[in-house]
N, C-alpha and C. Protein backbone atom coordinates (compact mmCIF):
# COMPACT_ATOMS: atom_id res chain seq x y z
N UNK A 1 282.70 -48.26 89.69
CA UNK A 1 283.33 -47.30 90.42
C UNK A 1 284.36 -47.88 91.48
N UNK A 2 285.09 -47.20 91.92
CA UNK A 2 286.37 -47.64 92.57
C UNK A 2 285.82 -47.24 94.19
N UNK A 3 286.14 -48.29 94.97
CA UNK A 3 285.83 -48.02 96.37
C UNK A 3 287.11 -48.00 97.26
N UNK A 4 286.88 -47.16 98.34
CA UNK A 4 288.22 -47.05 99.26
C UNK A 4 288.93 -48.37 99.55
N UNK A 5 288.18 -49.29 99.70
CA UNK A 5 288.93 -50.50 100.00
C UNK A 5 289.73 -51.44 98.90
N UNK A 6 289.36 -50.69 97.57
CA UNK A 6 289.99 -51.19 96.37
C UNK A 6 291.59 -50.58 96.07
N UNK A 7 291.57 -49.37 97.00
CA UNK A 7 293.01 -48.64 96.91
C UNK A 7 294.06 -49.45 97.76
N UNK A 8 295.37 -49.05 97.10
CA UNK A 8 296.47 -49.58 97.99
C UNK A 8 296.39 -48.97 99.24
N UNK A 9 296.99 -49.55 100.36
CA UNK A 9 297.00 -49.02 101.67
C UNK A 9 297.50 -47.64 101.84
N UNK A 10 298.41 -47.23 101.06
CA UNK A 10 299.07 -45.95 101.28
C UNK A 10 298.15 -44.98 100.65
N UNK A 11 297.20 -45.23 99.90
CA UNK A 11 296.09 -44.34 99.45
C UNK A 11 294.77 -44.42 100.09
N UNK A 12 294.80 -45.01 101.22
CA UNK A 12 293.32 -45.21 101.84
C UNK A 12 292.82 -43.94 102.31
N UNK A 13 293.48 -42.86 102.40
CA UNK A 13 293.04 -41.56 102.85
C UNK A 13 292.32 -40.69 101.70
N UNK A 14 292.54 -41.32 100.30
CA UNK A 14 291.87 -40.60 99.27
C UNK A 14 290.16 -40.58 99.34
N UNK A 15 289.62 -39.46 99.21
CA UNK A 15 288.21 -39.47 99.16
C UNK A 15 287.72 -39.76 97.61
N UNK A 16 286.79 -40.70 97.75
CA UNK A 16 286.26 -41.14 96.36
C UNK A 16 284.82 -40.53 96.10
N UNK A 17 284.39 -39.48 96.75
CA UNK A 17 283.20 -39.07 96.84
C UNK A 17 282.92 -38.05 95.34
N UNK A 18 284.07 -37.69 94.94
CA UNK A 18 283.89 -36.74 93.70
C UNK A 18 283.74 -37.69 92.53
N UNK A 19 282.49 -37.55 91.78
CA UNK A 19 282.17 -38.38 90.80
C UNK A 19 283.10 -38.49 89.72
N UNK A 20 283.68 -37.24 89.16
CA UNK A 20 284.33 -37.16 88.25
C UNK A 20 285.73 -37.72 88.28
N UNK A 21 286.34 -37.55 89.61
CA UNK A 21 287.56 -38.20 89.96
C UNK A 21 287.40 -39.78 89.88
N UNK A 22 286.55 -40.15 90.77
CA UNK A 22 286.22 -41.64 90.54
C UNK A 22 286.05 -42.23 89.32
N UNK A 23 285.32 -41.47 88.56
CA UNK A 23 285.14 -42.10 87.14
C UNK A 23 286.44 -42.08 86.28
N UNK A 24 287.23 -40.93 86.59
CA UNK A 24 288.66 -40.96 85.97
C UNK A 24 289.41 -42.17 86.32
N UNK A 25 289.47 -42.35 87.52
CA UNK A 25 290.20 -43.44 88.12
C UNK A 25 289.78 -44.86 87.79
N UNK A 26 288.59 -44.85 87.56
CA UNK A 26 287.80 -46.30 87.21
C UNK A 26 288.26 -46.54 85.71
N UNK A 27 288.17 -45.61 84.98
CA UNK A 27 288.51 -45.66 83.57
C UNK A 27 289.94 -46.07 83.32
N UNK A 28 290.83 -45.51 83.90
CA UNK A 28 292.25 -45.98 84.09
C UNK A 28 292.58 -47.26 84.42
N UNK A 29 291.94 -47.71 85.56
CA UNK A 29 292.17 -49.00 86.28
C UNK A 29 291.52 -50.09 85.58
N UNK A 30 290.37 -49.85 85.06
CA UNK A 30 289.42 -50.97 84.57
C UNK A 30 289.52 -50.96 83.06
N UNK A 31 289.81 -49.78 82.43
CA UNK A 31 289.70 -49.66 81.01
C UNK A 31 290.95 -50.22 80.24
N UNK A 32 290.74 -50.47 79.06
CA UNK A 32 291.86 -50.92 78.22
C UNK A 32 292.30 -49.91 77.22
N UNK A 33 292.24 -48.75 77.24
CA UNK A 33 292.67 -47.88 76.30
C UNK A 33 293.56 -46.89 76.94
N UNK A 34 294.38 -46.13 75.93
CA UNK A 34 295.10 -44.93 76.41
C UNK A 34 294.38 -43.76 76.96
N UNK A 35 294.90 -43.13 78.10
CA UNK A 35 294.08 -42.06 78.58
C UNK A 35 294.97 -40.81 78.47
N UNK A 36 294.19 -39.64 78.23
CA UNK A 36 294.95 -38.42 78.10
C UNK A 36 294.06 -37.68 79.30
N UNK A 37 294.89 -37.10 80.23
CA UNK A 37 294.36 -36.12 81.15
C UNK A 37 294.70 -34.74 80.85
N UNK A 38 293.76 -33.76 80.94
CA UNK A 38 293.95 -32.29 80.83
C UNK A 38 292.99 -31.69 81.35
N UNK A 39 293.53 -30.93 82.56
CA UNK A 39 292.62 -30.29 83.47
C UNK A 39 293.49 -29.20 84.17
N UNK A 40 292.89 -28.32 84.84
CA UNK A 40 293.56 -27.30 85.63
C UNK A 40 294.55 -27.82 86.66
N UNK A 41 295.40 -27.14 87.17
CA UNK A 41 296.32 -27.44 88.28
C UNK A 41 295.53 -27.96 89.54
N UNK A 42 295.67 -28.88 90.34
CA UNK A 42 295.09 -29.23 91.57
C UNK A 42 293.78 -30.00 91.37
N UNK A 43 293.57 -30.58 90.29
CA UNK A 43 292.42 -31.49 90.04
C UNK A 43 292.67 -33.02 90.50
N UNK A 44 293.97 -33.42 90.61
CA UNK A 44 294.28 -34.93 90.88
C UNK A 44 294.72 -35.57 89.82
N UNK A 45 295.32 -35.06 88.84
CA UNK A 45 295.86 -35.84 87.77
C UNK A 45 296.99 -36.75 88.11
N UNK A 46 297.90 -36.16 88.96
CA UNK A 46 299.09 -36.52 89.48
C UNK A 46 298.71 -37.65 90.38
N UNK A 47 297.82 -37.46 91.26
CA UNK A 47 297.28 -38.47 92.22
C UNK A 47 296.61 -39.86 91.63
N UNK A 48 296.00 -39.55 90.50
CA UNK A 48 295.51 -40.70 89.78
C UNK A 48 296.78 -41.42 89.25
N UNK A 49 297.46 -40.78 88.60
CA UNK A 49 298.91 -41.49 88.08
C UNK A 49 299.41 -42.26 89.23
N UNK A 50 299.56 -41.78 90.21
CA UNK A 50 300.25 -42.39 91.47
C UNK A 50 299.51 -43.70 92.16
N UNK A 51 298.16 -43.53 92.09
CA UNK A 51 297.23 -44.69 92.37
C UNK A 51 297.44 -45.83 91.44
N UNK A 52 297.43 -45.26 90.03
CA UNK A 52 297.28 -46.52 88.97
C UNK A 52 298.66 -47.12 89.03
N UNK A 53 299.62 -46.21 89.34
CA UNK A 53 301.18 -46.95 89.30
C UNK A 53 301.28 -47.85 90.31
N UNK A 54 300.62 -47.63 91.54
CA UNK A 54 300.86 -48.51 92.66
C UNK A 54 299.80 -49.86 92.42
N UNK A 55 298.83 -49.87 91.63
CA UNK A 55 298.05 -50.87 91.44
C UNK A 55 298.17 -51.76 90.16
N UNK A 56 298.85 -51.15 89.12
CA UNK A 56 299.06 -51.82 87.81
C UNK A 56 300.50 -52.00 87.54
N UNK A 57 300.84 -52.85 86.72
CA UNK A 57 302.24 -52.94 86.28
C UNK A 57 302.02 -52.48 84.86
N UNK A 58 303.26 -52.23 84.15
CA UNK A 58 303.52 -51.72 82.89
C UNK A 58 302.64 -50.55 82.70
N UNK A 59 302.74 -49.57 83.35
CA UNK A 59 302.16 -48.20 83.25
C UNK A 59 303.22 -47.29 82.70
N UNK A 60 302.75 -46.55 81.56
CA UNK A 60 303.78 -45.58 80.88
C UNK A 60 303.21 -44.20 81.07
N UNK A 61 303.99 -43.42 81.42
CA UNK A 61 303.53 -42.24 81.95
C UNK A 61 304.40 -41.27 81.03
N UNK A 62 303.59 -40.32 80.20
CA UNK A 62 304.21 -39.39 79.27
C UNK A 62 303.60 -37.90 79.71
N UNK A 63 304.49 -37.06 79.64
CA UNK A 63 304.00 -35.67 80.06
C UNK A 63 304.44 -34.67 78.99
N UNK A 64 303.68 -33.75 78.82
CA UNK A 64 303.96 -32.57 78.04
C UNK A 64 305.09 -31.69 78.54
N UNK A 65 305.16 -31.59 79.79
CA UNK A 65 306.14 -30.69 80.56
C UNK A 65 307.20 -31.46 81.43
N UNK A 66 308.54 -30.85 81.53
CA UNK A 66 309.47 -31.67 82.16
C UNK A 66 309.14 -31.45 83.68
N UNK A 67 308.34 -30.59 84.02
CA UNK A 67 308.10 -30.23 85.58
C UNK A 67 307.19 -31.54 86.12
N UNK A 68 306.24 -32.03 85.40
CA UNK A 68 305.59 -33.13 85.84
C UNK A 68 306.35 -34.18 85.72
N UNK A 69 307.01 -34.63 84.67
CA UNK A 69 307.86 -35.65 84.45
C UNK A 69 308.88 -35.88 85.88
N UNK A 70 309.61 -34.69 86.10
CA UNK A 70 310.55 -34.89 86.94
C UNK A 70 309.66 -35.09 88.55
N UNK A 71 308.68 -34.27 88.82
CA UNK A 71 307.89 -34.49 90.00
C UNK A 71 307.60 -36.04 90.24
N UNK A 72 306.93 -36.64 89.07
CA UNK A 72 306.57 -38.05 89.29
C UNK A 72 307.79 -38.90 89.37
N UNK A 73 308.81 -38.65 88.72
CA UNK A 73 309.93 -39.61 88.53
C UNK A 73 310.84 -39.49 89.98
N UNK A 74 310.66 -38.34 90.60
CA UNK A 74 311.28 -38.32 92.10
C UNK A 74 310.45 -38.97 93.05
N UNK A 75 309.22 -39.32 92.65
CA UNK A 75 308.39 -40.10 93.71
C UNK A 75 308.28 -41.68 93.22
N UNK A 76 309.24 -42.10 92.36
CA UNK A 76 309.37 -43.37 91.99
C UNK A 76 308.56 -43.95 90.89
N UNK A 77 308.00 -42.94 90.08
CA UNK A 77 307.22 -43.32 88.91
C UNK A 77 307.86 -42.93 87.66
N UNK A 78 308.26 -43.81 86.88
CA UNK A 78 309.19 -43.27 85.71
C UNK A 78 308.14 -42.58 84.89
N UNK A 79 308.62 -41.39 84.44
CA UNK A 79 307.79 -40.50 83.51
C UNK A 79 308.91 -39.87 82.53
N UNK A 80 308.43 -39.58 81.41
CA UNK A 80 309.22 -38.82 80.44
C UNK A 80 308.23 -37.86 79.66
N UNK A 81 309.14 -36.96 78.91
CA UNK A 81 308.36 -35.89 78.27
C UNK A 81 307.99 -36.41 76.91
N UNK A 82 307.01 -36.06 76.10
CA UNK A 82 306.71 -36.26 74.81
C UNK A 82 306.66 -35.01 74.11
N UNK A 83 307.24 -34.92 72.97
CA UNK A 83 307.22 -33.82 71.93
C UNK A 83 306.52 -34.05 70.66
């Protein structure tokens, strides 16, 4: 599991006490497979993408909606839609 001290400095405010959030973050950072996120709004999908993009290189972000791709792209994370 990920610890707060493992996070980039700009994300040291993130609380990692939510087991499912922490497990998902751990799978993306330490796993070696593609990940598909699907959950209701406000669950932290974009936050996980932002943290991982700050911690790893060669991250590819694909979205089914242009809204998400635009939001992430405006924050410096290249994201594209997939159809």
